[in-house]
C-alpha atoms as a PDB file:
ATOM      1  CA  MET A   1      91.230  76.885 120.205  1.00  0.00           C
ATOM      2  CA  MET A   2      90.839  76.521 123.928  1.00  0.00           C
ATOM      3  CA  ASP A   3      87.456  75.832 125.447  1.00  0.00           C
ATOM      4  CA  LYS A   4      85.573  78.082 127.851  1.00  0.00           C
ATOM      5  CA  GLU A   5      86.786  76.186 130.931  1.00  0.00           C
ATOM      6  CA  GLN A   6      90.422  76.574 129.858  1.00  0.00           C
ATOM      7  CA  PHE A   7      89.798  80.255 129.165  1.00  0.00           C
ATOM      8  CA  TYR A   8      88.407  80.757 132.671  1.00  0.00           C
ATOM      9  CA  GLN A   9      91.424  78.899 134.099  1.00  0.00           C
ATOM     10  CA  LEU A  10      93.717  81.234 132.169  1.00  0.00           C
ATOM     11  CA  LEU A  11      91.900  84.205 133.706  1.00  0.00           C
ATOM     12  CA  ASP A  12      92.004  82.514 137.138  1.00  0.00           C
ATOM     13  CA  ILE A  13      88.230  82.731 137.558  1.00  0.00           C
ATOM     14  CA  GLU A  14      85.412  80.258 138.051  1.00  0.00           C
ATOM     15  CA  SER A  15      82.656  82.611 136.903  1.00  0.00           C
ATOM     16  CA  GLY A  16      82.236  86.145 135.621  1.00  0.00           C
ATOM     17  CA  GLU A  17      81.686  87.332 139.184  1.00  0.00           C
ATOM     18  CA  ASP A  18      85.340  86.491 139.928  1.00  0.00           C
ATOM     19  CA  PHE A  19      86.555  88.843 137.176  1.00  0.00           C
ATOM     20  CA  MET A  20      87.426  91.761 139.429  1.00  0.00           C
ATOM     21  CA  TYR A  21      91.185  92.170 139.531  1.00  0.00           C
ATOM     22  CA  PHE A  22      93.818  93.799 137.353  1.00  0.00           C
ATOM     23  CA  GLU A  23      95.385  90.369 136.818  1.00  0.00           C
ATOM     24  CA  ASN A  24      92.123  89.001 135.373  1.00  0.00           C
ATOM     25  CA  PHE A  25      91.835  91.890 132.910  1.00  0.00           C
ATOM     26  CA  ALA A  26      95.513  91.683 131.948  1.00  0.00           C
ATOM     27  CA  ALA A  27      95.251  87.917 131.372  1.00  0.00           C
ATOM     28  CA  LEU A  28      92.263  88.505 129.092  1.00  0.00           C
ATOM     29  CA  ILE A  29      93.947  91.198 127.011  1.00  0.00           C
ATOM     30  CA  GLU A  30      97.343  89.482 126.911  1.00  0.00           C
ATOM     31  CA  CYS A  31      95.945  86.113 125.810  1.00  0.00           C
ATOM     32  CA  ASP A  32      97.291  85.212 122.379  1.00  0.00           C
ATOM     33  CA  GLU A  33      95.000  82.247 121.749  1.00  0.00           C
ATOM     34  CA  ASP A  34      91.664  82.326 119.944  1.00  0.00           C
ATOM     35  CA  VAL A  35      88.939  83.517 122.294  1.00  0.00           C
ATOM     36  CA  ASP A  36      85.219  83.315 121.615  1.00  0.00           C
ATOM     37  CA  THR A  37      83.536  86.707 122.015  1.00  0.00           C
ATOM     38  CA  ASP A  38      80.608  84.959 123.718  1.00  0.00           C
ATOM     39  CA  TRP A  39      82.921  83.926 126.575  1.00  0.00           C
ATOM     40  CA  ILE A  40      83.888  87.556 127.129  1.00  0.00           C
ATOM     41  CA  TYR A  41      80.224  88.551 126.922  1.00  0.00           C
ATOM     42  CA  ASP A  42      79.331  85.941 129.568  1.00  0.00           C
ATOM     43  CA  ILE A  43      81.935  87.456 131.897  1.00  0.00           C
ATOM     44  CA  LEU A  44      80.762  91.015 131.283  1.00  0.00           C
ATOM     45  CA  GLN A  45      77.184  90.078 132.171  1.00  0.00           C
ATOM     46  CA  ASP A  46      78.355  89.174 135.681  1.00  0.00           C
ATOM     47  CA  VAL A  47      80.801  92.046 136.266  1.00  0.00           C
ATOM     48  CA  ASP A  48      79.725  95.261 137.955  1.00  0.00           C
ATOM     49  CA  SER A  49      80.421  98.127 135.545  1.00  0.00           C
ATOM     50  CA  ASP A  50      82.265 100.125 138.231  1.00  0.00           C
ATOM     51  CA  VAL A  51      84.586  97.162 138.858  1.00  0.00           C
ATOM     52  CA  PHE A  52      85.166  96.754 135.133  1.00  0.00           C
ATOM     53  CA  ILE A  53      85.995 100.451 134.778  1.00  0.00           C
ATOM     54  CA  GLU A  54      88.422 100.284 137.709  1.00  0.00           C
ATOM     55  CA  ILE A  55      90.367  97.284 136.394  1.00  0.00           C
ATOM     56  CA  CYS A  56      90.299  98.654 132.849  1.00  0.00           C
ATOM     57  CA  ASN A  57      91.859 101.894 134.116  1.00  0.00           C
ATOM     58  CA  GLU A  58      94.463  99.956 136.113  1.00  0.00           C
ATOM     59  CA  PHE A  59      95.443  97.984 133.014  1.00  0.00           C
ATOM     60  CA  PHE A  60      95.753 101.040 130.799  1.00  0.00           C
ATOM     61  CA  ASP A  61      97.669 102.936 133.517  1.00  0.00           C
ATOM     62  CA  ASP A  62     100.158 100.067 133.582  1.00  0.00           C
ATOM     63  CA  VAL A  63     100.432 100.065 129.787  1.00  0.00           C
ATOM     64  CA  ASP A  64     100.839 103.853 129.703  1.00  0.00           C
ATOM     65  CA  ASN A  65     103.817 103.579 132.055  1.00  0.00           C
ATOM     66  CA  SER A  66     105.554 101.308 129.528  1.00  0.00           C
ATOM     67  CA  ILE A  67     105.126 103.527 126.490  1.00  0.00           C
ATOM     68  CA  PRO A  68     108.342 105.322 125.516  1.00  0.00           C
ATOM     69  CA  ASP A  69     107.985 109.066 126.095  1.00  0.00           C
ATOM     70  CA  ALA A  70     108.218 110.078 122.438  1.00  0.00           C
ATOM     71  CA  GLU A  71     105.337 107.829 121.356  1.00  0.00           C
ATOM     72  CA  THR A  72     102.469 110.311 121.626  1.00  0.00           C
ATOM     73  CA  ASP A  73     100.478 108.708 118.790  1.00  0.00           C
ATOM     74  CA  LEU A  74     100.443 105.364 120.588  1.00  0.00           C
ATOM     75  CA  PHE A  75      99.613 107.014 123.903  1.00  0.00           C
ATOM     76  CA  THR A  76      96.727 108.934 122.300  1.00  0.00           C
ATOM     77  CA  LEU A  77      95.398 105.817 120.558  1.00  0.00           C
ATOM     78  CA  LEU A  78      95.412 103.810 123.781  1.00  0.00           C
ATOM     79  CA  LEU A  79      93.742 106.675 125.638  1.00  0.00           C
ATOM     80  CA  THR A  80      91.005 106.706 122.991  1.00  0.00           C
ATOM     81  CA  ILE A  81      90.545 102.944 123.312  1.00  0.00           C
ATOM     82  CA  ARG A  82      90.409 103.211 127.108  1.00  0.00           C
ATOM     83  CA  ARG A  83      87.759 105.921 126.902  1.00  0.00           C
ATOM     84  CA  ALA A  84      85.737 103.873 124.427  1.00  0.00           C
ATOM     85  CA  PHE A  85      85.791 100.837 126.739  1.00  0.00           C
ATOM     86  CA  ILE A  86      84.743 102.940 129.715  1.00  0.00           C
ATOM     87  CA  GLY A  87      81.999 104.567 127.684  1.00  0.00           C
ATOM     88  CA  MET A  88      80.721 101.198 126.505  1.00  0.00           C
ATOM     89  CA  ALA A  89      80.824  99.821 130.056  1.00  0.00           C
ATOM     90  CA  LYS A  90      78.532 102.656 131.114  1.00  0.00           C
ATOM     91  CA  ILE A  91      76.002 101.940 128.361  1.00  0.00           C
ATOM     92  CA  ASP A  92      72.807 100.455 129.683  1.00  0.00           C
ATOM     93  CA  ASP A  93      71.659  97.486 127.590  1.00  0.00           C
ATOM     94  CA  GLU A  94      68.203  99.044 127.631  1.00  0.00           C
ATOM     95  CA  GLU A  95      69.563 102.244 126.038  1.00  0.00           C
ATOM     96  CA  VAL A  96      71.612 100.510 123.353  1.00  0.00           C
ATOM     97  CA  GLU A  97      70.601  97.058 122.261  1.00  0.00           C
ATOM     98  CA  ASN A  98      73.391  94.578 122.904  1.00  0.00           C
ATOM     99  CA  GLY A  99      75.664  97.149 124.583  1.00  0.00           C
ATOM    100  CA  LEU A 100      77.601  94.466 126.477  1.00  0.00           C
ATOM    101  CA  LEU A 101      77.965  92.386 123.336  1.00  0.00           C
ATOM    102  CA  LEU A 102      79.412  95.447 121.616  1.00  0.00           C
ATOM    103  CA  LEU A 103      81.910  95.842 124.471  1.00  0.00           C
ATOM    104  CA  ALA A 104      82.794  92.130 124.323  1.00  0.00           C
ATOM    105  CA  GLU A 105      83.422  92.389 120.583  1.00  0.00           C
ATOM    106  CA  GLU A 106      85.645  95.456 121.004  1.00  0.00           C
ATOM    107  CA  LEU A 107      87.587  93.860 123.881  1.00  0.00           C
ATOM    108  CA  ASN A 108      88.220  90.782 121.764  1.00  0.00           C
ATOM    109  CA  LYS A 109      89.226  92.907 118.772  1.00  0.00           C
ATOM    110  CA  PHE A 110      91.610  94.900 120.979  1.00  0.00           C
ATOM    111  CA  ARG A 111      93.031  91.698 122.530  1.00  0.00           C
ATOM    112  CA  GLN A 112      93.662  90.246 119.082  1.00  0.00           C
ATOM    113  CA  TRP A 113      95.418  93.415 117.925  1.00  0.00           C
ATOM    114  CA  TYR A 114      97.399  94.042 121.130  1.00  0.00           C
ATOM    115  CA  SER A 115      98.646  90.482 121.680  1.00  0.00           C
ATOM    116  CA  VAL A 116      98.596  88.843 118.241  1.00  0.00           C
ATOM    117  CA  ASP A 117      98.293  91.027 115.139  1.00  0.00           C
ATOM    118  CA  SER A 118     100.141  94.263 115.939  1.00  0.00           C
ATOM    119  CA  HIS A 119     103.676  94.694 114.678  1.00  0.00           C
ATOM    120  CA  VAL A 120     106.451  96.688 116.339  1.00  0.00           C
ATOM    121  CA  GLU A 121     110.044  96.748 115.189  1.00  0.00           C
ATOM    122  CA  CYS A 122     112.435  96.774 118.162  1.00  0.00           C
ATOM    123  CA  ARG A 123     116.026  97.642 117.239  1.00  0.00           C
ATOM    124  CA  ASN A 124     118.810  97.114 119.762  1.00  0.00           C
ATOM    125  CA  GLN A 125     120.741 100.380 119.794  1.00  0.00           C
ATOM    126  CA  ASP A 126     124.071  98.669 120.524  1.00  0.00           C
ATOM    127  CA  THR A 127     123.961  95.678 118.160  1.00  0.00           C
ATOM    128  CA  ASN A 128     121.462  96.984 115.584  1.00  0.00           C
ATOM    129  CA  GLN A 129     119.722  93.601 115.863  1.00  0.00           C
ATOM    130  CA  VAL A 130     116.011  93.841 115.027  1.00  0.00           C
ATOM    131  CA  LYS A 131     113.259  91.992 116.861  1.00  0.00           C
ATOM    132  CA  ASP A 132     109.736  91.938 115.520  1.00  0.00           C
ATOM    133  CA  ALA A 133     107.192  91.937 118.318  1.00  0.00           C
ATOM    134  CA  THR A 134     103.542  92.438 119.050  1.00  0.00           C
ATOM    135  CA  LEU A 135     102.599  95.593 120.904  1.00  0.00           C
ATOM    136  CA  ARG A 136     102.219  93.507 124.065  1.00  0.00           C
ATOM    137  CA  ASP A 137     105.728  92.097 123.746  1.00  0.00           C
ATOM    138  CA  ALA A 138     107.314  95.402 122.704  1.00  0.00           C
ATOM    139  CA  LEU A 139     105.894  97.136 125.780  1.00  0.00           C
ATOM    140  CA  ALA A 140     107.138  94.261 127.956  1.00  0.00           C
ATOM    141  CA  LEU A 141     110.577  94.737 126.384  1.00  0.00           C
ATOM    142  CA  ALA A 142     110.378  98.468 127.139  1.00  0.00           C
ATOM    143  CA  ARG A 143     109.644  97.622 130.801  1.00  0.00           C
ATOM    144  CA  MET A 144     112.560  95.175 130.942  1.00  0.00           C
ATOM    145  CA  GLU A 145     114.849  97.689 129.249  1.00  0.00           C
ATOM    146  CA  LYS A 146     114.658  99.851 132.370  1.00  0.00           C
ATOM    147  CA  LEU A 147     116.118  96.949 134.372  1.00  0.00           C
ATOM    148  CA  SER A 148     118.868  95.953 131.951  1.00  0.00           C
ATOM    149  CA  ASP A 149     121.818  97.414 130.084  1.00  0.00           C
ATOM    150  CA  GLU A 150     120.116  97.007 126.712  1.00  0.00           C
ATOM    151  CA  SER A 151     118.528  99.932 124.942  1.00  0.00           C
ATOM    152  CA  TYR A 152     116.059  99.735 122.066  1.00  0.00           C
ATOM    153  CA  PHE A 153     114.539 101.971 119.448  1.00  0.00           C
ATOM    154  CA  TYR A 154     110.878 101.126 118.884  1.00  0.00           C
ATOM    155  CA  ASP A 155     109.028 101.685 115.632  1.00  0.00           C
ATOM    156  CA  PHE A 156     105.339 101.690 116.548  1.00  0.00           C
ATOM    157  CA  SER A 157     104.191 103.110 113.191  1.00  0.00           C
ATOM    158  CA  ASP A 158     102.551  99.845 112.065  1.00  0.00           C
ATOM    159  CA  ALA A 159     101.037  99.229 115.493  1.00  0.00           C
ATOM    160  CA  VAL A 160      99.072 102.470 115.598  1.00  0.00           C
ATOM    161  CA  ASN A 161      96.936 101.334 112.665  1.00  0.00           C
ATOM    162  CA  TYR A 162      93.966 100.345 114.781  1.00  0.00           C
ATOM    163  CA  ASN A 163      90.405 101.195 113.877  1.00  0.00           C
ATOM    164  CA  ILE A 164      88.180 101.765 116.875  1.00  0.00           C
ATOM    165  CA  GLU A 165      84.487 102.019 116.187  1.00  0.00           C
ATOM    166  CA  GLU A 166      82.892 105.375 116.863  1.00  0.00           C
ATOM    167  CA  TYR A 167      80.597 105.366 119.870  1.00  0.00           C
ATOM    168  CA  VAL A 168      78.615 108.098 121.501  1.00  0.00           C
ATOM    169  CA  MET A 169      79.678 108.506 125.104  1.00  0.00           C
ATOM    170  CA  ASN A 170      79.111 111.018 127.815  1.00  0.00           C
ATOM    171  CA  PHE A 171      82.474 112.696 128.371  1.00  0.00           C
ATOM    172  CA  ALA A 172      81.239 114.314 131.577  1.00  0.00           C
ATOM    173  CA  ASP A 173      80.906 110.807 133.013  1.00  0.00           C
ATOM    174  CA  LEU A 174      84.344 109.853 131.715  1.00  0.00           C
ATOM    175  CA  GLU A 175      85.955 112.813 133.440  1.00  0.00           C
ATOM    176  CA  ASP A 176      85.149 111.254 136.812  1.00  0.00           C
ATOM    177  CA  GLU A 177      86.593 107.876 135.812  1.00  0.00           C
ATOM    178  CA  LEU A 178      89.961 108.935 134.392  1.00  0.00           C
END
Protein backbone atom coordinates (compact mmCIF):
# COMPACT_ATOMS: atom_id res chain seq x y z
CA MET A 1 0.00 0.00 0.00
CA MET A 2 1.26 3.45 -0.81
CA ASP A 3 1.64 6.04 1.90
CA LYS A 4 -0.21 9.35 2.12
CA GLU A 5 2.65 11.31 0.53
CA GLN A 6 2.72 8.97 -2.47
CA PHE A 7 -1.06 9.23 -2.73
CA TYR A 8 -0.87 13.02 -2.82
CA GLN A 9 1.87 12.79 -5.48
CA LEU A 10 -0.39 10.54 -7.54
CA LEU A 11 -3.14 13.16 -7.29
CA ASP A 12 -0.60 15.92 -8.07
CA ILE A 13 -1.45 17.84 -4.89
CA GLU A 14 0.45 18.98 -1.83
CA SER A 15 -2.63 19.44 0.36
CA GLY A 16 -6.39 19.06 0.15
CA GLU A 17 -6.66 22.70 -0.90
CA ASP A 18 -4.94 21.77 -4.19
CA PHE A 19 -7.65 19.21 -5.02
CA MET A 20 -9.62 21.40 -7.40
CA TYR A 21 -9.22 20.07 -10.92
CA PHE A 22 -10.82 17.34 -13.00
CA GLU A 23 -7.41 15.65 -13.24
CA ASN A 24 -7.17 15.40 -9.44
CA PHE A 25 -10.61 13.80 -9.17
CA ALA A 26 -9.93 11.43 -12.08
CA ALA A 27 -6.59 10.37 -10.57
CA LEU A 28 -8.36 9.60 -7.28
CA ILE A 29 -11.12 7.52 -8.86
CA GLU A 30 -8.84 5.78 -11.37
CA CYS A 31 -6.25 4.77 -8.78
CA ASP A 32 -6.05 0.99 -8.56
CA GLU A 33 -3.88 0.82 -5.44
CA ASP A 34 -5.11 0.53 -1.86
CA VAL A 35 -6.15 3.94 -0.56
CA ASP A 36 -6.88 4.77 3.06
CA THR A 37 -10.31 6.38 3.45
CA ASP A 38 -8.79 8.78 6.00
CA TRP A 39 -6.59 10.26 3.25
CA ILE A 40 -9.67 11.00 1.16
CA TYR A 41 -11.39 12.44 4.22
CA ASP A 42 -8.40 14.73 4.87
CA ILE A 43 -8.68 16.05 1.31
CA LEU A 44 -12.44 16.58 1.55
CA GLN A 45 -12.03 18.64 4.72
CA ASP A 46 -10.01 21.18 2.74
CA VAL A 47 -12.06 21.23 -0.47
CA ASP A 48 -14.86 23.74 -1.01
CA SER A 49 -18.06 21.78 -1.64
CA ASP A 50 -18.86 23.81 -4.77
CA VAL A 51 -15.43 22.95 -6.21
CA PHE A 52 -15.93 19.29 -5.35
CA ILE A 53 -19.34 19.27 -7.03
CA GLU A 54 -17.91 20.92 -10.16
CA ILE A 55 -15.05 18.45 -10.59
CA CYS A 56 -17.30 15.52 -9.72
CA ASN A 57 -19.71 16.60 -12.47
CA GLU A 58 -16.82 17.03 -14.93
CA PHE A 59 -15.60 13.50 -14.19
CA PHE A 60 -19.01 11.91 -14.59
CA ASP A 61 -19.68 13.93 -17.77
CA ASP A 62 -16.46 12.50 -19.20
CA VAL A 63 -17.43 8.97 -18.16
CA ASP A 64 -20.94 9.39 -19.58
CA ASN A 65 -19.45 10.28 -22.97
CA SER A 66 -17.64 6.92 -23.01
CA ILE A 67 -20.63 4.73 -22.23
CA PRO A 68 -21.94 2.88 -25.30
CA ASP A 69 -25.38 4.19 -26.25
CA ALA A 70 -27.27 0.98 -25.51
CA GLU A 71 -26.02 0.76 -21.91
CA THR A 72 -28.86 2.57 -20.15
CA ASP A 73 -28.51 0.53 -16.94
CA LEU A 74 -24.89 1.59 -16.56
CA PHE A 75 -25.72 5.19 -17.42
CA THR A 76 -28.53 5.22 -14.84
CA LEU A 77 -26.33 3.65 -12.16
CA LEU A 78 -23.57 6.20 -12.69
CA LEU A 79 -26.11 9.03 -12.65
CA THR A 80 -27.40 7.74 -9.31
CA ILE A 81 -23.86 7.56 -7.93
CA ARG A 82 -23.12 11.08 -9.17
CA ARG A 83 -26.26 12.42 -7.51
CA ALA A 84 -25.40 10.64 -4.27
CA PHE A 85 -21.90 12.18 -4.23
CA ILE A 86 -23.30 15.64 -4.91
CA GLY A 87 -25.93 15.18 -2.23
CA MET A 88 -23.32 14.04 0.29
CA ALA A 89 -21.05 16.96 -0.62
CA LYS A 90 -23.90 19.32 0.26
CA ILE A 91 -24.47 17.72 3.67
CA ASP A 92 -23.36 19.92 6.51
CA ASP A 93 -21.35 17.98 9.10
CA GLU A 94 -23.50 19.66 11.73
CA GLU A 95 -26.67 18.24 10.14
CA VAL A 96 -25.35 14.70 9.71
CA GLU A 97 -22.59 13.53 11.98
CA ASN A 98 -19.52 12.57 9.98
CA GLY A 99 -21.04 13.62 6.63
CA LEU A 100 -17.61 14.10 5.02
CA LEU A 101 -16.42 10.76 6.36
CA LEU A 102 -19.48 9.16 4.77
CA LEU A 103 -18.58 10.81 1.45
CA ALA A 104 -14.95 9.69 1.78
CA GLU A 105 -16.07 6.11 2.41
CA GLU A 106 -18.40 6.14 -0.60
CA LEU A 107 -15.74 7.68 -2.86
CA ASN A 108 -13.28 4.99 -1.83
CA LYS A 109 -15.88 2.26 -2.32
CA PHE A 110 -16.69 3.65 -5.78
CA ARG A 111 -12.97 3.93 -6.66
CA GLN A 112 -12.40 0.32 -5.63
CA TRP A 113 -15.35 -0.87 -7.72
CA TYR A 114 -14.68 1.34 -10.77
CA SER A 115 -10.93 0.72 -11.05
CA VAL A 116 -10.32 -2.64 -9.36
CA ASP A 117 -13.27 -4.94 -8.66
CA SER A 118 -15.73 -4.39 -11.52
CA HIS A 119 -15.77 -6.86 -14.38
CA VAL A 120 -16.65 -6.12 -18.00
CA GLU A 121 -16.29 -8.58 -20.85
CA CYS A 122 -15.04 -6.84 -24.01
CA ARG A 123 -15.39 -8.95 -27.16
CA ASN A 124 -13.65 -7.88 -30.36
CA GLN A 125 -16.34 -8.05 -33.04
CA ASP A 126 -13.86 -9.01 -35.78
CA THR A 127 -11.70 -11.61 -34.01
CA ASN A 128 -14.12 -12.72 -31.28
CA GLN A 129 -11.21 -12.36 -28.84
CA VAL A 130 -12.40 -11.59 -25.30
CA LYS A 131 -10.72 -9.17 -22.93
CA ASP A 132 -11.73 -8.98 -19.30
CA ALA A 133 -11.49 -5.45 -17.98
CA THR A 134 -12.50 -3.26 -15.10
CA LEU A 135 -15.16 -0.67 -15.79
CA ARG A 136 -12.42 1.98 -15.93
CA ASP A 137 -10.48 0.05 -18.56
CA ALA A 138 -13.55 -0.95 -20.57
CA LEU A 139 -14.65 2.69 -20.84
CA ALA A 140 -11.11 3.66 -21.87
CA LEU A 141 -11.29 0.96 -24.55
CA ALA A 142 -14.64 2.36 -25.70
CA ARG A 143 -13.01 5.80 -26.05
CA MET A 144 -10.08 4.35 -28.00
CA GLU A 145 -12.44 2.35 -30.20
CA LYS A 146 -13.68 5.61 -31.71
CA LEU A 147 -10.12 6.33 -32.87
CA SER A 148 -9.28 2.89 -34.22
CA ASP A 149 -10.56 0.28 -36.65
CA GLU A 150 -11.43 -2.15 -33.86
CA SER A 151 -14.98 -2.61 -32.68
CA TYR A 152 -16.06 -4.25 -29.43
CA PHE A 153 -19.17 -5.62 -27.82
CA TYR A 154 -19.26 -4.82 -24.11
CA ASP A 155 -21.03 -6.92 -21.51
CA PHE A 156 -21.53 -4.63 -18.52
CA SER A 157 -24.00 -6.96 -16.75
CA ASP A 158 -21.55 -7.88 -13.97
CA ALA A 159 -20.35 -4.30 -13.60
CA VAL A 160 -23.77 -2.86 -12.81
CA ASN A 161 -23.92 -4.85 -9.57
CA TYR A 162 -23.01 -1.94 -7.34
CA ASN A 163 -24.77 -1.19 -4.09
CA ILE A 164 -24.95 2.50 -3.28
CA GLU A 165 -26.11 3.39 0.19
CA GLU A 166 -29.41 5.21 0.42
CA TYR A 167 -29.06 8.83 1.46
CA VAL A 168 -31.59 11.56 1.89
CA MET A 169 -30.79 14.45 -0.40
CA ASN A 170 -32.55 17.55 -1.54
CA PHE A 171 -33.31 17.01 -5.22
CA ALA A 172 -34.22 20.67 -5.67
CA ASP A 173 -30.59 21.49 -4.85
CA LEU A 174 -29.35 18.79 -7.22
CA GLU A 175 -31.36 20.21 -10.09
CA ASP A 176 -29.15 23.30 -10.07
CA GLU A 177 -25.94 21.25 -10.05
CA LEU A 178 -26.65 18.81 -12.89
